[in-house]
N, C-alpha and C. Protein backbone atom coordinates (compact mmCIF):
# COMPACT_ATOMS: atom_id res chain seq x y z
N MET A 1 -23.51 37.47 -43.68
CA MET A 1 -23.90 37.76 -42.15
C MET A 1 -23.37 39.41 -42.75
N ALA A 2 -24.75 40.75 -43.12
CA ALA A 2 -24.98 41.67 -43.11
C ALA A 2 -24.88 42.38 -42.33
N VAL A 3 -24.39 43.58 -41.68
CA VAL A 3 -24.25 44.62 -40.75
C VAL A 3 -24.38 45.44 -40.86
N PRO A 4 -26.00 46.16 -40.25
CA PRO A 4 -26.32 47.26 -40.47
C PRO A 4 -24.65 48.31 -40.45
N GLY A 5 -24.21 49.15 -40.88
CA GLY A 5 -23.60 50.69 -40.99
C GLY A 5 -22.48 49.67 -41.69
N GLY A 6 -21.94 47.92 -41.79
CA GLY A 6 -20.85 47.93 -42.16
C GLY A 6 -19.55 46.87 -41.24
N GLY A 7 -20.10 47.45 -40.00
CA GLY A 7 -19.27 46.32 -38.85
C GLY A 7 -18.94 45.23 -39.36
N VAL A 8 -18.53 44.89 -37.91
CA VAL A 8 -18.12 43.46 -37.94
C VAL A 8 -18.68 42.82 -36.87
N PRO A 9 -19.31 41.47 -37.31
CA PRO A 9 -20.92 40.92 -37.08
C PRO A 9 -19.90 40.62 -35.64
N VAL A 10 -21.33 40.91 -34.34
CA VAL A 10 -20.53 39.96 -33.60
C VAL A 10 -21.63 39.14 -33.14
N GLN A 11 -20.55 38.47 -32.47
CA GLN A 11 -21.25 36.56 -32.47
C GLN A 11 -21.79 36.22 -30.64
N ARG A 12 -22.61 36.67 -29.97
CA ARG A 12 -22.64 36.05 -28.97
C ARG A 12 -22.58 34.98 -28.63
N SER A 13 -22.32 34.84 -27.70
CA SER A 13 -22.49 33.26 -26.64
C SER A 13 -24.06 33.12 -26.12
N ARG A 14 -24.57 31.63 -26.02
CA ARG A 14 -25.58 31.21 -25.21
C ARG A 14 -25.08 30.65 -24.41
N ARG A 15 -25.75 31.36 -22.78
CA ARG A 15 -25.76 30.69 -21.63
C ARG A 15 -26.29 30.11 -20.69
N ALA A 16 -26.32 29.52 -19.87
CA ALA A 16 -28.09 28.60 -19.63
C ALA A 16 -27.53 28.16 -17.69
N ARG A 17 -28.48 28.33 -16.70
CA ARG A 17 -27.76 28.16 -16.59
C ARG A 17 -28.95 26.95 -15.12
N LEU A 18 -27.70 26.23 -14.74
CA LEU A 18 -27.99 24.29 -14.87
C LEU A 18 -28.39 24.11 -13.46
N THR A 19 -29.35 23.52 -12.53
CA THR A 19 -28.64 23.01 -11.48
C THR A 19 -29.08 21.82 -11.00
N VAL A 20 -27.66 21.12 -10.93
CA VAL A 20 -27.84 19.68 -10.54
C VAL A 20 -28.19 19.18 -9.05
N THR A 21 -29.58 18.53 -8.81
CA THR A 21 -30.47 18.43 -8.00
C THR A 21 -30.62 16.77 -7.26
N GLN A 22 -30.05 16.00 -8.33
CA GLN A 22 -30.09 14.45 -8.22
C GLN A 22 -28.49 14.04 -9.31
N LEU A 23 -28.43 13.01 -8.47
CA LEU A 23 -27.85 12.29 -8.61
C LEU A 23 -28.13 10.82 -8.48
N ASP A 24 -27.74 10.16 -9.60
CA ASP A 24 -28.40 8.94 -9.74
C ASP A 24 -27.14 7.57 -9.09
N PRO A 25 -27.71 6.83 -8.00
CA PRO A 25 -26.48 6.03 -7.49
C PRO A 25 -26.33 5.16 -8.39
N TRP A 26 -27.31 4.37 -8.46
CA TRP A 26 -26.59 3.17 -9.48
C TRP A 26 -25.95 3.71 -10.60
N THR A 27 -25.78 5.24 -11.32
CA THR A 27 -24.71 5.52 -11.82
C THR A 27 -23.91 5.80 -11.93
N VAL A 28 -23.58 6.23 -10.43
CA VAL A 28 -22.64 7.19 -10.16
C VAL A 28 -21.63 5.89 -9.20
N MET A 29 -22.89 4.44 -8.82
CA MET A 29 -21.81 3.78 -8.45
C MET A 29 -21.04 2.83 -9.54
N ARG A 30 -21.98 2.39 -11.09
CA ARG A 30 -21.22 1.84 -12.52
C ARG A 30 -19.98 3.33 -12.51
N MET A 31 -20.51 4.03 -12.73
CA MET A 31 -19.14 4.95 -13.10
C MET A 31 -17.98 4.85 -12.17
N SER A 32 -17.97 5.53 -10.91
CA SER A 32 -16.72 5.27 -10.04
C SER A 32 -16.04 3.60 -9.45
N PHE A 33 -17.28 2.76 -10.77
CA PHE A 33 -16.20 1.12 -10.58
C PHE A 33 -15.43 1.11 -11.50
N LEU A 34 -15.92 1.34 -12.36
CA LEU A 34 -14.74 1.51 -13.56
C LEU A 34 -14.25 2.71 -13.66
N LEU A 35 -14.07 3.57 -12.62
CA LEU A 35 -12.21 4.70 -12.78
C LEU A 35 -11.50 3.72 -11.76
N SER A 36 -12.12 3.35 -10.01
CA SER A 36 -11.45 2.64 -9.00
C SER A 36 -10.43 1.58 -10.49
N LEU A 37 -11.17 0.59 -10.95
CA LEU A 37 -10.79 -0.44 -11.85
C LEU A 37 -9.11 -0.23 -12.24
N ALA A 38 -9.81 0.60 -12.90
CA ALA A 38 -8.63 1.26 -13.73
C ALA A 38 -7.23 2.07 -13.27
N PHE A 39 -8.00 2.52 -12.01
CA PHE A 39 -6.80 2.67 -11.14
C PHE A 39 -5.93 2.03 -10.24
N ALA A 40 -6.72 0.63 -10.27
CA ALA A 40 -6.45 -0.83 -9.35
C ALA A 40 -5.70 -0.83 -10.32
N VAL A 41 -5.69 -1.25 -11.38
CA VAL A 41 -4.81 -1.65 -13.00
C VAL A 41 -3.10 -0.78 -12.53
N ILE A 42 -3.84 0.21 -13.04
CA ILE A 42 -2.98 1.59 -13.04
C ILE A 42 -1.17 1.24 -11.61
N THR A 43 -2.58 0.62 -10.60
CA THR A 43 -1.64 0.31 -9.24
C THR A 43 0.05 -0.72 -9.44
N VAL A 44 -1.26 -1.59 -9.72
CA VAL A 44 -0.62 -3.75 -9.83
C VAL A 44 0.24 -3.13 -10.60
N VAL A 45 0.25 -2.72 -12.10
CA VAL A 45 1.17 -1.87 -13.19
C VAL A 45 2.18 -0.98 -13.19
N SER A 46 2.36 -0.57 -12.31
CA SER A 46 2.96 0.47 -11.58
C SER A 46 4.14 -0.28 -10.84
N ILE A 47 3.31 -0.97 -9.57
CA ILE A 47 4.16 -1.84 -8.65
C ILE A 47 5.18 -2.64 -9.39
N ILE A 48 4.43 -3.31 -10.33
CA ILE A 48 4.96 -4.20 -11.74
C ILE A 48 6.53 -4.14 -11.44
N LEU A 49 5.97 -2.56 -12.56
CA LEU A 49 7.49 -1.76 -12.96
C LEU A 49 8.25 -1.30 -11.86
N LEU A 50 7.76 -0.71 -11.19
CA LEU A 50 9.54 -0.34 -9.76
C LEU A 50 9.54 -1.57 -9.59
N TRP A 51 8.87 -2.90 -9.13
CA TRP A 51 9.93 -4.01 -8.84
C TRP A 51 11.08 -4.50 -9.67
N GLY A 52 10.56 -4.78 -11.40
CA GLY A 52 11.12 -5.07 -11.76
C GLY A 52 12.33 -4.05 -11.73
N LEU A 53 11.82 -2.66 -11.56
CA LEU A 53 13.27 -1.13 -11.66
C LEU A 53 14.11 -1.34 -11.00
N LEU A 54 13.49 -1.84 -9.60
CA LEU A 54 14.81 -1.67 -8.65
C LEU A 54 15.77 -3.19 -8.50
N ASN A 55 14.54 -4.52 -8.82
CA ASN A 55 15.32 -5.93 -9.08
C ASN A 55 16.25 -5.79 -10.02
N GLY A 56 15.95 -5.39 -11.21
CA GLY A 56 17.68 -4.88 -12.13
C GLY A 56 18.15 -3.83 -11.93
N ALA A 57 18.27 -3.31 -10.72
CA ALA A 57 19.07 -2.80 -10.48
C ALA A 57 19.93 -3.39 -9.38
N GLY A 58 19.42 -4.25 -8.52
CA GLY A 58 20.56 -5.21 -7.96
C GLY A 58 20.09 -4.32 -6.60
N VAL A 59 18.88 -3.87 -6.31
CA VAL A 59 18.79 -2.88 -4.96
C VAL A 59 18.63 -3.91 -4.38
N PHE A 60 17.91 -4.99 -4.19
CA PHE A 60 17.47 -6.17 -3.14
C PHE A 60 19.13 -6.56 -2.93
N GLY A 61 19.16 -6.67 -3.53
CA GLY A 61 20.75 -7.24 -2.98
C GLY A 61 21.73 -6.93 -2.18
N SER A 62 22.02 -5.46 -2.58
CA SER A 62 22.54 -4.96 -2.27
C SER A 62 22.13 -4.58 -0.53
N VAL A 63 20.78 -4.39 -0.94
CA VAL A 63 20.65 -3.92 0.90
C VAL A 63 20.67 -5.40 1.10
N GLU A 64 20.40 -6.69 1.36
CA GLU A 64 20.64 -8.33 2.20
C GLU A 64 21.40 -8.09 2.10
N ARG A 65 23.01 -7.85 1.76
CA ARG A 65 24.10 -8.12 1.71
C ARG A 65 24.98 -6.88 3.18
N THR A 66 24.12 -5.33 2.92
CA THR A 66 24.00 -4.48 4.02
C THR A 66 23.73 -4.58 5.07
N VAL A 67 22.67 -5.26 5.03
CA VAL A 67 21.82 -5.59 6.60
C VAL A 67 22.80 -7.47 6.81
N ASP A 68 22.87 -8.21 6.30
CA ASP A 68 23.97 -9.53 6.42
C ASP A 68 25.13 -8.72 7.62
N ASP A 69 26.07 -7.74 6.40
CA ASP A 69 27.01 -7.22 6.85
C ASP A 69 26.99 -6.67 8.07
N LEU A 70 26.10 -5.63 8.80
CA LEU A 70 25.74 -5.38 9.93
C LEU A 70 25.04 -6.63 10.51
N VAL A 71 23.89 -7.44 10.71
CA VAL A 71 23.54 -7.52 11.54
C VAL A 71 24.08 -9.55 11.99
N GLY A 72 25.04 -9.72 10.53
CA GLY A 72 25.35 -10.93 10.28
C GLY A 72 24.38 -11.96 9.59
N SER A 73 25.41 -13.10 9.21
CA SER A 73 24.95 -14.01 8.13
C SER A 73 23.67 -15.24 9.09
N GLY A 74 23.19 -15.49 8.61
CA GLY A 74 21.64 -16.26 9.68
C GLY A 74 20.77 -15.95 9.79
N GLY A 75 20.64 -14.40 9.42
CA GLY A 75 19.00 -13.76 10.09
C GLY A 75 18.32 -14.53 9.10
N ILE A 76 17.62 -12.93 8.85
CA ILE A 76 16.56 -12.70 8.16
C ILE A 76 16.37 -12.29 7.16
N SER A 77 15.84 -13.11 6.16
CA SER A 77 16.30 -12.85 4.23
C SER A 77 15.82 -12.08 4.26
N LEU A 78 15.84 -10.47 3.59
CA LEU A 78 15.22 -10.13 3.16
C LEU A 78 14.31 -10.46 1.23
N THR A 79 14.75 -10.98 1.17
CA THR A 79 15.07 -11.54 -0.23
C THR A 79 13.34 -12.40 -0.30
N GLN A 80 13.05 -12.87 0.73
CA GLN A 80 11.86 -13.70 0.76
C GLN A 80 10.46 -12.43 0.81
N TYR A 81 10.98 -11.34 1.33
CA TYR A 81 10.34 -10.36 1.72
C TYR A 81 9.56 -10.24 0.20
N PHE A 82 10.70 -9.45 -0.64
CA PHE A 82 10.77 -8.98 -1.23
C PHE A 82 10.17 -9.76 -2.22
N ALA A 83 10.22 -11.08 -2.51
CA ALA A 83 9.80 -11.33 -3.91
C ALA A 83 8.67 -10.76 -4.37
N PHE A 84 9.03 -11.44 -5.93
CA PHE A 84 8.17 -10.70 -6.65
C PHE A 84 6.28 -11.49 -6.58
N GLY A 85 6.82 -12.71 -6.25
CA GLY A 85 4.86 -13.49 -5.70
C GLY A 85 4.66 -12.39 -4.93
N ARG A 86 5.30 -12.19 -3.20
CA ARG A 86 4.72 -11.68 -2.71
C ARG A 86 3.98 -10.91 -2.91
N ILE A 87 4.90 -9.36 -3.61
CA ILE A 87 4.33 -8.31 -3.79
C ILE A 87 3.62 -7.72 -4.73
N LEU A 88 3.64 -8.82 -5.66
CA LEU A 88 2.27 -9.18 -7.09
C LEU A 88 1.26 -9.40 -5.68
N THR A 89 1.36 -10.26 -4.67
CA THR A 89 0.03 -10.44 -3.90
C THR A 89 -0.13 -9.56 -3.03
N TYR A 90 0.45 -8.50 -2.57
CA TYR A 90 0.78 -7.21 -1.65
C TYR A 90 0.08 -6.00 -2.65
N ALA A 91 0.09 -6.12 -3.59
CA ALA A 91 -0.42 -5.48 -4.58
C ALA A 91 -1.59 -5.65 -5.34
N LEU A 92 -1.92 -6.74 -5.47
CA LEU A 92 -3.67 -7.03 -5.84
C LEU A 92 -4.64 -6.96 -4.89
N THR A 93 -4.61 -7.65 -3.49
CA THR A 93 -4.95 -7.23 -2.37
C THR A 93 -5.24 -5.89 -2.24
N VAL A 94 -3.79 -4.61 -2.16
CA VAL A 94 -4.36 -3.64 -2.16
C VAL A 94 -5.41 -2.77 -3.08
N ALA A 95 -5.78 -3.29 -4.19
CA ALA A 95 -5.86 -2.70 -5.51
C ALA A 95 -6.94 -3.09 -5.36
N ALA A 96 -8.00 -3.83 -5.22
CA ALA A 96 -8.71 -4.90 -4.61
C ALA A 96 -9.41 -4.27 -3.02
N ILE A 97 -9.16 -3.91 -2.33
CA ILE A 97 -9.48 -3.13 -1.45
C ILE A 97 -10.03 -2.09 -1.79
N ASP A 98 -9.41 -1.24 -2.63
CA ASP A 98 -9.38 0.02 -3.53
C ASP A 98 -10.55 0.29 -3.90
N VAL A 99 -10.82 -0.72 -4.85
CA VAL A 99 -12.04 -1.50 -5.73
C VAL A 99 -13.10 -0.48 -4.58
N VAL A 100 -12.84 -1.88 -4.05
CA VAL A 100 -14.50 -1.99 -2.79
C VAL A 100 -14.45 -0.62 -2.19
N LEU A 101 -13.87 -0.16 -1.67
CA LEU A 101 -14.18 1.25 -0.55
C LEU A 101 -14.23 2.57 -2.06
N ILE A 102 -13.42 2.66 -2.61
CA ILE A 102 -13.14 3.67 -3.47
C ILE A 102 -14.79 3.52 -4.12
N THR A 103 -15.63 2.57 -4.97
CA THR A 103 -17.05 2.33 -5.24
C THR A 103 -18.22 2.10 -4.35
N ALA A 104 -17.68 1.80 -2.97
CA ALA A 104 -18.92 2.37 -1.99
C ALA A 104 -18.69 3.79 -1.34
N LEU A 105 -17.65 4.51 -1.33
CA LEU A 105 -17.73 5.83 -0.78
C LEU A 105 -18.19 7.04 -1.98
N ALA A 106 -18.15 5.80 -2.67
CA ALA A 106 -18.55 7.00 -4.35
C ALA A 106 -20.25 6.87 -4.20
N THR A 107 -20.66 5.91 -4.12
CA THR A 107 -21.78 5.71 -4.31
C THR A 107 -23.01 5.86 -3.08
N LEU A 108 -21.99 6.34 -1.53
CA LEU A 108 -22.81 6.94 -0.13
C LEU A 108 -22.32 8.18 -0.65
N GLY A 109 -21.32 8.47 -1.41
CA GLY A 109 -21.78 9.61 -1.59
C GLY A 109 -22.92 10.72 -2.66
N ALA A 110 -23.21 9.38 -3.39
CA ALA A 110 -24.32 10.51 -4.33
C ALA A 110 -25.61 10.17 -3.23
N PHE A 111 -25.30 9.27 -2.29
CA PHE A 111 -27.19 9.40 -1.49
C PHE A 111 -26.87 10.80 -0.71
N LEU A 112 -25.34 10.63 -0.20
CA LEU A 112 -25.17 12.30 0.90
C LEU A 112 -25.70 13.28 -0.13
N TYR A 113 -25.38 13.47 -1.52
CA TYR A 113 -25.70 14.75 -2.69
C TYR A 113 -27.11 14.63 -2.24
N ASN A 114 -28.21 13.41 -2.84
CA ASN A 114 -29.04 13.08 -3.04
C ASN A 114 -29.37 13.82 -1.98
N LEU A 115 -29.90 13.95 -0.39
CA LEU A 115 -30.59 14.39 0.66
C LEU A 115 -30.15 15.29 0.76
N ALA A 116 -28.70 16.21 0.68
CA ALA A 116 -28.54 17.54 1.34
C ALA A 116 -29.08 18.56 -0.33
N ALA A 117 -29.18 17.80 -1.43
CA ALA A 117 -29.94 18.64 -2.60
C ALA A 117 -31.39 18.57 -2.33
N SER A 118 -32.18 17.64 -1.57
CA SER A 118 -33.13 18.34 -1.11
C SER A 118 -33.60 19.14 -0.55
N LEU A 119 -32.55 19.12 0.34
CA LEU A 119 -32.54 20.19 1.43
C LEU A 119 -32.60 21.52 1.26
N VAL A 120 -31.16 21.69 -0.08
CA VAL A 120 -30.60 23.52 -0.14
C VAL A 120 -31.38 23.56 -2.01
N GLY A 121 -31.81 22.58 -2.44
CA GLY A 121 -31.62 22.80 -3.89
C GLY A 121 -30.50 22.33 -5.02
N GLY A 122 -29.42 22.36 -4.38
CA GLY A 122 -28.54 21.74 -5.59
C GLY A 122 -27.24 21.97 -5.87
N VAL A 123 -26.79 21.81 -6.79
CA VAL A 123 -25.54 23.24 -7.32
C VAL A 123 -26.26 23.28 -8.59
N GLU A 124 -25.44 24.65 -8.79
CA GLU A 124 -26.17 25.91 -9.86
C GLU A 124 -24.64 25.60 -10.86
N ILE A 125 -25.10 25.38 -11.54
CA ILE A 125 -23.76 25.67 -12.84
C ILE A 125 -24.66 26.36 -14.20
N THR A 126 -23.07 27.40 -14.22
CA THR A 126 -23.57 27.49 -15.82
C THR A 126 -22.95 27.74 -16.85
N VAL A 127 -23.35 27.29 -18.22
CA VAL A 127 -22.68 26.38 -19.08
C VAL A 127 -22.57 26.89 -19.91
N THR A 128 -21.70 27.68 -20.79
CA THR A 128 -21.54 29.31 -21.95
C THR A 128 -21.13 28.09 -23.43
N GLU A 129 -21.50 28.50 -24.31
CA GLU A 129 -21.92 28.20 -25.50
C GLU A 129 -21.25 28.56 -26.57
N ASP A 130 -19.66 28.06 -26.67
CA ASP A 130 -18.83 29.21 -27.81
C ASP A 130 -19.93 29.07 -28.83
N PRO A 131 -19.49 30.38 -29.39
CA PRO A 131 -19.84 30.22 -30.91
C PRO A 131 -18.71 29.76 -32.20
């Protein structure tokens, strides 16, 4: 590109001002469901890994021996409360509740945003295109 006067060409970036005036609740619901499902999988996998790490390190047995020394044997067995099946059931229950709540709250948020945007005009965003 030839520049008059032999200077360096200046590239300008384009800017556009956009206004988000409406969110489609159906799209928000689908997206929040997928993201909350991914969050639920991450939660369950991390709890499984944490339980495996604690069990492999012998933490549950150590805590049970300490409780038996303090309270006496014949008391409550902590290993039955921290069994893998029970912990996995709790993790799956919490993950399922999280999926439902996050999806519902995000969809409700889209409806509330649409209501507020109809009153005040929405959110203005300035988008810049890099040269």
